[in-house]
N, C-alpha and C. Protein backbone atom coordinates (compact mmCIF):
# COMPACT_ATOMS: atom_id res chain seq x y z
N MET A 1 77.01 -87.69 175.68
CA MET A 1 75.90 -86.80 175.41
C MET A 1 74.79 -87.12 176.40
N GLU A 2 74.40 -86.15 177.20
CA GLU A 2 73.36 -86.36 178.19
C GLU A 2 72.00 -86.11 177.58
N LYS A 3 71.14 -87.11 177.59
CA LYS A 3 69.80 -86.98 177.04
C LYS A 3 68.89 -86.31 178.05
N ILE A 4 68.05 -85.39 177.59
CA ILE A 4 67.11 -84.68 178.45
C ILE A 4 65.86 -85.53 178.61
N ASP A 5 65.42 -85.68 179.83
CA ASP A 5 64.20 -86.42 180.11
C ASP A 5 63.18 -85.43 180.65
N CYS A 6 62.34 -84.91 179.77
CA CYS A 6 61.30 -83.96 180.16
C CYS A 6 59.96 -84.68 180.11
N GLU A 7 58.93 -83.98 180.54
CA GLU A 7 57.58 -84.52 180.40
C GLU A 7 57.31 -84.75 178.92
N GLU A 8 56.29 -85.50 178.66
CA GLU A 8 55.94 -85.84 177.28
C GLU A 8 55.77 -84.56 176.45
N SER A 9 56.41 -84.52 175.31
CA SER A 9 56.35 -83.36 174.43
C SER A 9 55.07 -83.38 173.62
N GLN A 10 54.70 -82.22 173.08
CA GLN A 10 53.54 -82.13 172.19
C GLN A 10 53.90 -82.60 170.78
N VAL A 11 55.16 -82.87 170.54
CA VAL A 11 55.64 -83.25 169.22
C VAL A 11 55.71 -84.76 169.12
N ASP A 12 55.43 -85.29 167.96
CA ASP A 12 55.50 -86.73 167.72
C ASP A 12 56.94 -87.21 167.84
N HIS A 13 57.19 -88.07 168.83
CA HIS A 13 58.56 -88.54 169.07
C HIS A 13 58.98 -89.67 168.15
N SER A 14 58.16 -90.03 167.19
CA SER A 14 58.59 -91.03 166.22
C SER A 14 59.54 -90.40 165.20
N LYS A 15 59.72 -89.08 165.30
CA LYS A 15 60.68 -88.39 164.44
C LYS A 15 62.09 -88.88 164.74
N ARG A 16 63.03 -88.50 163.92
CA ARG A 16 64.38 -89.05 164.00
C ARG A 16 65.34 -88.25 164.84
N TRP A 17 64.92 -87.19 165.48
CA TRP A 17 65.87 -86.40 166.27
C TRP A 17 65.74 -86.76 167.75
N THR A 18 66.79 -86.43 168.48
CA THR A 18 66.78 -86.56 169.93
C THR A 18 67.20 -85.22 170.51
N ILE A 19 66.79 -84.97 171.75
CA ILE A 19 67.12 -83.72 172.42
C ILE A 19 68.08 -84.03 173.56
N HIS A 20 69.15 -83.25 173.64
CA HIS A 20 70.19 -83.44 174.65
C HIS A 20 70.59 -82.10 175.24
N THR A 21 71.18 -82.15 176.43
CA THR A 21 71.80 -80.96 176.99
C THR A 21 73.08 -80.68 176.21
N ALA A 22 73.27 -79.43 175.81
CA ALA A 22 74.50 -79.04 175.10
C ALA A 22 75.56 -78.65 176.14
N ASN A 23 76.82 -78.71 175.74
CA ASN A 23 77.92 -78.30 176.61
C ASN A 23 79.06 -77.72 175.77
N TRP A 24 80.16 -77.38 176.40
CA TRP A 24 81.26 -76.70 175.71
C TRP A 24 81.79 -77.51 174.53
N ARG A 25 81.64 -78.82 174.57
CA ARG A 25 82.11 -79.65 173.45
C ARG A 25 81.31 -79.40 172.17
N ASP A 26 80.17 -78.77 172.31
CA ASP A 26 79.30 -78.49 171.16
C ASP A 26 79.60 -77.14 170.51
N TYR A 27 80.64 -76.47 170.97
CA TYR A 27 80.93 -75.12 170.46
C TYR A 27 81.01 -75.09 168.93
N SER A 28 81.78 -75.98 168.36
CA SER A 28 82.01 -75.96 166.91
C SER A 28 80.71 -76.09 166.13
N GLN A 29 79.87 -77.03 166.55
CA GLN A 29 78.61 -77.23 165.84
C GLN A 29 77.64 -76.08 166.07
N LEU A 30 77.64 -75.53 167.29
CA LEU A 30 76.78 -74.38 167.56
C LEU A 30 77.25 -73.16 166.77
N TYR A 31 78.54 -72.97 166.68
CA TYR A 31 79.10 -71.87 165.88
C TYR A 31 78.60 -71.97 164.44
N GLN A 32 78.68 -73.16 163.86
CA GLN A 32 78.23 -73.36 162.48
C GLN A 32 76.73 -73.13 162.34
N LEU A 33 75.95 -73.63 163.30
CA LEU A 33 74.51 -73.45 163.25
C LEU A 33 74.15 -71.97 163.31
N GLU A 34 74.79 -71.23 164.18
CA GLU A 34 74.55 -69.78 164.29
C GLU A 34 74.83 -69.07 162.97
N ARG A 35 75.93 -69.43 162.32
CA ARG A 35 76.32 -68.78 161.07
C ARG A 35 75.33 -69.06 159.95
N VAL A 36 74.73 -70.25 159.97
CA VAL A 36 73.77 -70.62 158.94
C VAL A 36 72.39 -70.02 159.23
N CYS A 37 71.98 -70.04 160.49
CA CYS A 37 70.61 -69.66 160.85
C CYS A 37 70.37 -68.16 160.96
N PHE A 38 71.41 -67.39 161.27
CA PHE A 38 71.21 -65.97 161.54
C PHE A 38 72.10 -65.12 160.65
N PRO A 39 71.59 -63.95 160.24
CA PRO A 39 72.43 -63.02 159.47
C PRO A 39 73.71 -62.71 160.25
N SER A 40 74.76 -62.41 159.54
CA SER A 40 76.07 -62.22 160.18
C SER A 40 76.03 -61.20 161.31
N GLU A 41 75.16 -60.23 161.22
CA GLU A 41 75.08 -59.22 162.27
C GLU A 41 74.39 -59.75 163.52
N ASP A 42 73.56 -60.78 163.39
CA ASP A 42 72.77 -61.29 164.51
C ASP A 42 73.39 -62.51 165.19
N ASN A 43 74.31 -63.20 164.51
CA ASN A 43 74.83 -64.40 165.17
C ASN A 43 75.74 -64.03 166.31
N TRP A 44 75.78 -64.90 167.29
CA TRP A 44 76.49 -64.61 168.53
C TRP A 44 78.00 -64.74 168.37
N PRO A 45 78.75 -63.85 169.01
CA PRO A 45 80.21 -63.94 169.00
C PRO A 45 80.69 -65.06 169.94
N PHE A 46 81.98 -65.32 169.89
CA PHE A 46 82.62 -66.40 170.64
C PHE A 46 82.20 -66.44 172.10
N TRP A 47 82.32 -65.33 172.82
CA TRP A 47 82.06 -65.36 174.26
C TRP A 47 80.60 -65.62 174.59
N ASP A 48 79.69 -65.16 173.77
CA ASP A 48 78.27 -65.45 174.00
C ASP A 48 77.99 -66.94 173.81
N LEU A 49 78.61 -67.54 172.79
CA LEU A 49 78.42 -68.97 172.56
C LEU A 49 79.02 -69.79 173.70
N ILE A 50 80.21 -69.41 174.14
CA ILE A 50 80.83 -70.12 175.27
C ILE A 50 79.96 -69.96 176.52
N GLY A 51 79.44 -68.77 176.74
CA GLY A 51 78.59 -68.52 177.90
C GLY A 51 77.34 -69.38 177.90
N VAL A 52 76.64 -69.42 176.78
CA VAL A 52 75.39 -70.19 176.74
C VAL A 52 75.67 -71.69 176.90
N LEU A 53 76.87 -72.12 176.56
CA LEU A 53 77.22 -73.53 176.68
C LEU A 53 77.81 -73.91 178.05
N THR A 54 78.20 -72.91 178.86
CA THR A 54 78.91 -73.24 180.09
C THR A 54 78.38 -72.58 181.36
N LEU A 55 77.76 -71.44 181.29
CA LEU A 55 77.35 -70.75 182.51
C LEU A 55 76.30 -71.55 183.27
N PRO A 56 76.42 -71.61 184.59
CA PRO A 56 75.47 -72.39 185.38
C PRO A 56 74.07 -71.78 185.34
N GLY A 57 73.07 -72.66 185.41
CA GLY A 57 71.69 -72.21 185.51
C GLY A 57 71.00 -71.92 184.19
N LEU A 58 71.74 -71.93 183.08
CA LEU A 58 71.13 -71.65 181.78
C LEU A 58 70.56 -72.93 181.18
N VAL A 59 69.50 -72.78 180.40
CA VAL A 59 68.96 -73.88 179.62
C VAL A 59 69.71 -73.89 178.30
N ARG A 60 70.19 -75.06 177.89
CA ARG A 60 70.92 -75.21 176.63
C ARG A 60 70.62 -76.59 176.08
N LEU A 61 69.75 -76.62 175.10
CA LEU A 61 69.32 -77.89 174.51
C LEU A 61 69.70 -77.93 173.03
N LYS A 62 70.07 -79.11 172.58
CA LYS A 62 70.38 -79.30 171.17
C LYS A 62 69.54 -80.43 170.63
N ALA A 63 69.11 -80.28 169.40
CA ALA A 63 68.44 -81.35 168.67
C ALA A 63 69.51 -82.02 167.81
N VAL A 64 69.56 -83.34 167.87
CA VAL A 64 70.60 -84.10 167.18
C VAL A 64 69.95 -85.10 166.23
N MET A 65 70.46 -85.12 165.00
CA MET A 65 70.08 -86.14 164.02
C MET A 65 71.36 -86.68 163.42
N ASP A 66 71.45 -87.99 163.36
CA ASP A 66 72.63 -88.65 162.79
C ASP A 66 73.93 -88.15 163.40
N GLY A 67 73.90 -87.89 164.71
CA GLY A 67 75.10 -87.47 165.42
C GLY A 67 75.49 -86.02 165.24
N TYR A 68 74.63 -85.20 164.61
CA TYR A 68 74.98 -83.82 164.34
C TYR A 68 73.91 -82.88 164.89
N MET A 69 74.34 -81.74 165.45
CA MET A 69 73.41 -80.74 165.96
C MET A 69 72.68 -80.07 164.80
N VAL A 70 71.35 -80.21 164.79
CA VAL A 70 70.55 -79.59 163.74
C VAL A 70 69.67 -78.47 164.29
N GLY A 71 69.63 -78.33 165.62
CA GLY A 71 68.86 -77.27 166.25
C GLY A 71 69.39 -76.98 167.64
N PHE A 72 69.13 -75.77 168.11
CA PHE A 72 69.61 -75.36 169.42
C PHE A 72 68.65 -74.32 170.00
N ILE A 73 68.47 -74.39 171.33
CA ILE A 73 67.73 -73.36 172.05
C ILE A 73 68.48 -73.04 173.34
N GLY A 74 68.52 -71.76 173.66
CA GLY A 74 69.12 -71.30 174.91
C GLY A 74 68.09 -70.51 175.69
N GLY A 75 68.21 -70.55 177.00
CA GLY A 75 67.28 -69.80 177.83
C GLY A 75 67.87 -69.50 179.19
N GLU A 76 67.33 -68.45 179.82
CA GLU A 76 67.78 -68.06 181.15
C GLU A 76 66.58 -67.63 181.99
N ARG A 77 66.77 -67.68 183.29
CA ARG A 77 65.71 -67.32 184.23
C ARG A 77 66.01 -65.99 184.91
N ASP A 78 65.00 -65.16 185.01
CA ASP A 78 65.05 -63.97 185.87
C ASP A 78 64.14 -64.31 187.05
N THR A 79 64.75 -64.90 188.07
CA THR A 79 63.95 -65.39 189.20
C THR A 79 63.29 -64.25 189.98
N GLY A 80 63.91 -63.09 189.98
CA GLY A 80 63.32 -61.94 190.68
C GLY A 80 62.00 -61.53 190.07
N GLN A 81 61.93 -61.52 188.75
CA GLN A 81 60.69 -61.15 188.07
C GLN A 81 59.84 -62.36 187.70
N ARG A 82 60.39 -63.56 187.94
CA ARG A 82 59.70 -64.81 187.61
C ARG A 82 59.40 -64.91 186.12
N ILE A 83 60.43 -64.59 185.34
CA ILE A 83 60.32 -64.64 183.88
C ILE A 83 61.46 -65.50 183.33
N GLY A 84 61.12 -66.37 182.43
CA GLY A 84 62.13 -67.11 181.68
C GLY A 84 62.28 -66.46 180.31
N TRP A 85 63.51 -66.37 179.85
CA TRP A 85 63.78 -65.78 178.53
C TRP A 85 64.35 -66.83 177.59
N VAL A 86 63.77 -66.98 176.44
CA VAL A 86 64.38 -67.77 175.37
C VAL A 86 65.36 -66.82 174.69
N THR A 87 66.64 -67.13 174.78
CA THR A 87 67.65 -66.21 174.27
C THR A 87 68.04 -66.49 172.83
N THR A 88 67.87 -67.72 172.38
CA THR A 88 68.14 -68.05 170.99
C THR A 88 67.44 -69.35 170.65
N LEU A 89 67.00 -69.46 169.41
CA LEU A 89 66.43 -70.69 168.88
C LEU A 89 66.73 -70.74 167.40
N GLY A 90 67.40 -71.78 166.96
CA GLY A 90 67.72 -71.93 165.55
C GLY A 90 67.69 -73.39 165.13
N VAL A 91 67.22 -73.62 163.92
CA VAL A 91 67.22 -74.96 163.31
C VAL A 91 67.79 -74.80 161.90
N LEU A 92 68.71 -75.69 161.55
CA LEU A 92 69.30 -75.64 160.21
C LEU A 92 68.20 -75.71 159.15
N PRO A 93 68.33 -74.94 158.07
CA PRO A 93 67.27 -74.87 157.06
C PRO A 93 66.79 -76.22 156.52
N ALA A 94 67.68 -77.16 156.32
CA ALA A 94 67.30 -78.46 155.77
C ALA A 94 66.44 -79.28 156.74
N TYR A 95 66.38 -78.86 158.01
CA TYR A 95 65.66 -79.61 159.03
C TYR A 95 64.46 -78.85 159.57
N ARG A 96 64.09 -77.77 158.92
CA ARG A 96 62.95 -76.98 159.37
C ARG A 96 61.64 -77.63 158.93
N ARG A 97 60.58 -77.26 159.62
CA ARG A 97 59.22 -77.71 159.34
C ARG A 97 59.02 -79.20 159.62
N LEU A 98 59.87 -79.73 160.51
CA LEU A 98 59.72 -81.11 160.96
C LEU A 98 59.19 -81.18 162.39
N GLY A 99 59.13 -80.04 163.08
CA GLY A 99 58.70 -80.00 164.47
C GLY A 99 59.84 -79.87 165.46
N ILE A 100 61.07 -79.73 164.96
CA ILE A 100 62.24 -79.64 165.84
C ILE A 100 62.19 -78.38 166.69
N ALA A 101 61.93 -77.24 166.08
CA ALA A 101 61.88 -75.98 166.83
C ALA A 101 60.78 -76.03 167.89
N GLN A 102 59.65 -76.59 167.53
CA GLN A 102 58.55 -76.68 168.49
C GLN A 102 58.93 -77.60 169.65
N ASP A 103 59.60 -78.70 169.36
CA ASP A 103 60.05 -79.62 170.40
C ASP A 103 61.05 -78.94 171.33
N LEU A 104 62.03 -78.25 170.75
CA LEU A 104 63.01 -77.53 171.56
C LEU A 104 62.34 -76.47 172.43
N LEU A 105 61.41 -75.73 171.85
CA LEU A 105 60.70 -74.67 172.59
C LEU A 105 59.91 -75.26 173.75
N PHE A 106 59.16 -76.32 173.51
CA PHE A 106 58.36 -76.95 174.55
C PHE A 106 59.24 -77.42 175.70
N ARG A 107 60.33 -78.08 175.39
CA ARG A 107 61.23 -78.61 176.42
C ARG A 107 61.94 -77.48 177.19
N ALA A 108 62.34 -76.44 176.49
CA ALA A 108 62.99 -75.31 177.16
C ALA A 108 62.02 -74.62 178.11
N GLU A 109 60.78 -74.44 177.68
CA GLU A 109 59.78 -73.85 178.58
C GLU A 109 59.64 -74.66 179.86
N LYS A 110 59.61 -75.98 179.74
CA LYS A 110 59.50 -76.85 180.92
C LYS A 110 60.71 -76.68 181.84
N LEU A 111 61.90 -76.63 181.26
CA LEU A 111 63.11 -76.51 182.05
C LEU A 111 63.27 -75.12 182.66
N LEU A 112 62.80 -74.09 181.97
CA LEU A 112 62.85 -72.74 182.53
C LEU A 112 61.95 -72.65 183.76
N ALA A 113 60.85 -73.35 183.74
CA ALA A 113 59.96 -73.49 184.90
C ALA A 113 59.57 -72.14 185.52
N MET A 114 59.20 -71.21 184.67
CA MET A 114 58.75 -69.89 185.12
C MET A 114 57.31 -69.68 184.65
N PRO A 115 56.52 -68.89 185.37
CA PRO A 115 55.13 -68.67 184.96
C PRO A 115 55.01 -67.85 183.67
N THR A 116 56.03 -67.07 183.36
CA THR A 116 56.03 -66.26 182.14
C THR A 116 57.30 -66.54 181.37
N ILE A 117 57.15 -66.74 180.06
CA ILE A 117 58.30 -66.94 179.18
C ILE A 117 58.26 -65.83 178.14
N ARG A 118 59.39 -65.19 177.92
CA ARG A 118 59.50 -64.13 176.91
C ARG A 118 60.62 -64.43 175.93
N LEU A 119 60.56 -63.74 174.80
CA LEU A 119 61.61 -63.83 173.79
C LEU A 119 61.50 -62.62 172.88
N SER A 120 62.56 -62.39 172.13
CA SER A 120 62.54 -61.33 171.12
C SER A 120 62.75 -61.97 169.76
N VAL A 121 62.15 -61.35 168.75
CA VAL A 121 62.26 -61.85 167.39
C VAL A 121 62.23 -60.67 166.43
N ARG A 122 62.99 -60.79 165.34
CA ARG A 122 62.94 -59.74 164.31
C ARG A 122 61.50 -59.58 163.83
N ALA A 123 61.06 -58.35 163.67
CA ALA A 123 59.69 -58.08 163.24
C ALA A 123 59.39 -58.69 161.88
N SER A 124 60.40 -58.88 161.06
CA SER A 124 60.21 -59.42 159.71
C SER A 124 60.27 -60.95 159.65
N ASN A 125 60.58 -61.61 160.74
CA ASN A 125 60.76 -63.07 160.74
C ASN A 125 59.39 -63.76 160.87
N GLN A 126 58.68 -63.83 159.75
CA GLN A 126 57.31 -64.36 159.76
C GLN A 126 57.24 -65.82 160.16
N ALA A 127 58.21 -66.62 159.75
CA ALA A 127 58.19 -68.05 160.11
C ALA A 127 58.30 -68.22 161.63
N ALA A 128 59.22 -67.48 162.25
CA ALA A 128 59.38 -67.56 163.70
C ALA A 128 58.13 -67.03 164.41
N LEU A 129 57.57 -65.94 163.92
CA LEU A 129 56.35 -65.39 164.53
C LEU A 129 55.21 -66.40 164.49
N ARG A 130 55.07 -67.11 163.36
CA ARG A 130 54.03 -68.15 163.27
C ARG A 130 54.27 -69.26 164.29
N LEU A 131 55.53 -69.69 164.41
CA LEU A 131 55.87 -70.73 165.39
C LEU A 131 55.48 -70.29 166.79
N TYR A 132 55.88 -69.09 167.17
CA TYR A 132 55.62 -68.63 168.53
C TYR A 132 54.14 -68.41 168.78
N GLU A 133 53.44 -67.80 167.84
CA GLU A 133 52.01 -67.57 168.02
C GLU A 133 51.25 -68.89 168.11
N THR A 134 51.63 -69.87 167.31
CA THR A 134 51.02 -71.19 167.36
C THR A 134 51.22 -71.83 168.73
N ASN A 135 52.30 -71.48 169.38
CA ASN A 135 52.62 -72.06 170.69
C ASN A 135 52.23 -71.16 171.86
N GLY A 136 51.32 -70.23 171.62
CA GLY A 136 50.72 -69.48 172.71
C GLY A 136 51.38 -68.16 173.06
N TYR A 137 52.31 -67.68 172.26
CA TYR A 137 52.97 -66.40 172.53
C TYR A 137 52.19 -65.27 171.89
N SER A 138 52.21 -64.12 172.54
CA SER A 138 51.59 -62.93 171.97
C SER A 138 52.51 -61.73 172.18
N LYS A 139 52.35 -60.73 171.33
CA LYS A 139 53.20 -59.54 171.38
C LYS A 139 52.85 -58.70 172.60
N VAL A 140 53.91 -58.31 173.35
CA VAL A 140 53.70 -57.45 174.51
C VAL A 140 54.50 -56.15 174.42
N ASP A 141 55.44 -56.09 173.49
CA ASP A 141 56.26 -54.88 173.38
C ASP A 141 56.98 -54.88 172.04
N ARG A 142 57.52 -53.72 171.71
CA ARG A 142 58.35 -53.56 170.50
C ARG A 142 59.56 -52.74 170.91
N TRP A 143 60.75 -53.28 170.65
CA TRP A 143 61.97 -52.54 170.92
C TRP A 143 62.47 -51.96 169.60
N LYS A 144 62.41 -50.64 169.50
CA LYS A 144 62.80 -49.95 168.27
C LYS A 144 64.30 -50.13 167.98
N ASN A 145 64.60 -50.33 166.72
CA ASN A 145 66.00 -50.38 166.22
C ASN A 145 66.87 -51.36 167.01
N TYR A 146 66.31 -52.46 167.45
CA TYR A 146 67.04 -53.41 168.30
C TYR A 146 68.10 -54.18 167.51
N TYR A 147 67.74 -54.61 166.33
CA TYR A 147 68.64 -55.44 165.54
C TYR A 147 69.51 -54.60 164.60
N PHE A 148 70.62 -55.18 164.21
CA PHE A 148 71.52 -54.54 163.26
C PHE A 148 70.71 -54.15 162.02
N GLY A 149 71.00 -53.00 161.48
CA GLY A 149 70.26 -52.50 160.33
C GLY A 149 69.02 -51.72 160.71
N GLY A 150 68.76 -51.58 162.02
CA GLY A 150 67.65 -50.76 162.48
C GLY A 150 66.31 -51.46 162.60
N GLU A 151 66.28 -52.77 162.39
CA GLU A 151 64.99 -53.46 162.48
C GLU A 151 64.55 -53.59 163.95
N ASP A 152 63.24 -53.47 164.13
CA ASP A 152 62.66 -53.60 165.47
C ASP A 152 62.62 -55.06 165.91
N ALA A 153 62.64 -55.24 167.22
CA ALA A 153 62.39 -56.55 167.83
C ALA A 153 60.98 -56.55 168.39
N LEU A 154 60.26 -57.61 168.15
CA LEU A 154 58.98 -57.81 168.81
C LEU A 154 59.24 -58.65 170.05
N ILE A 155 58.71 -58.25 171.16
CA ILE A 155 58.83 -59.01 172.40
C ILE A 155 57.54 -59.80 172.57
N LEU A 156 57.69 -61.10 172.61
CA LEU A 156 56.55 -61.99 172.74
C LEU A 156 56.57 -62.63 174.12
N GLU A 157 55.39 -62.96 174.61
CA GLU A 157 55.27 -63.50 175.96
C GLU A 157 54.22 -64.62 175.97
N LYS A 158 54.51 -65.59 176.82
CA LYS A 158 53.56 -66.68 177.05
C LYS A 158 53.42 -66.85 178.56
N ASN A 159 52.18 -66.84 179.02
CA ASN A 159 51.91 -67.09 180.44
C ASN A 159 51.41 -68.52 180.57
N ARG A 160 52.03 -69.21 181.51
CA ARG A 160 51.70 -70.64 181.65
C ARG A 160 50.87 -70.90 182.88
């Protein structure tokens, strides 16, 4: 397991999790995390999970506690537009509100190394919206009927 060495995080590192680069060996745990964290219509299929774990140039970080993946973040760069995209962020329910999502987000932003970071979130996901707004994101767009069931996606952006 390769440990990520980023600049000092804004999160208290006396917590019990560690952040590592994820890889194809993490497929099983990421599959389970996706199924728990996202409604069945929103969780990623096999090829998307394999892609985020193996394609070159992507950010893929996992939070680990007691040898098990409890959180994951994926991201990609659009170098032409100088935008980094957070493509997924999930933390198992039993491990939420400990600062894991914030730690993953902070580290992914550093690794994406773009002046603008964007992401999409279900309009009804108030917990995620609070997390992102607390970390400097603001709404820049709304994609109508983006999610299964017709729910809109809010596009949030942070300029660094």
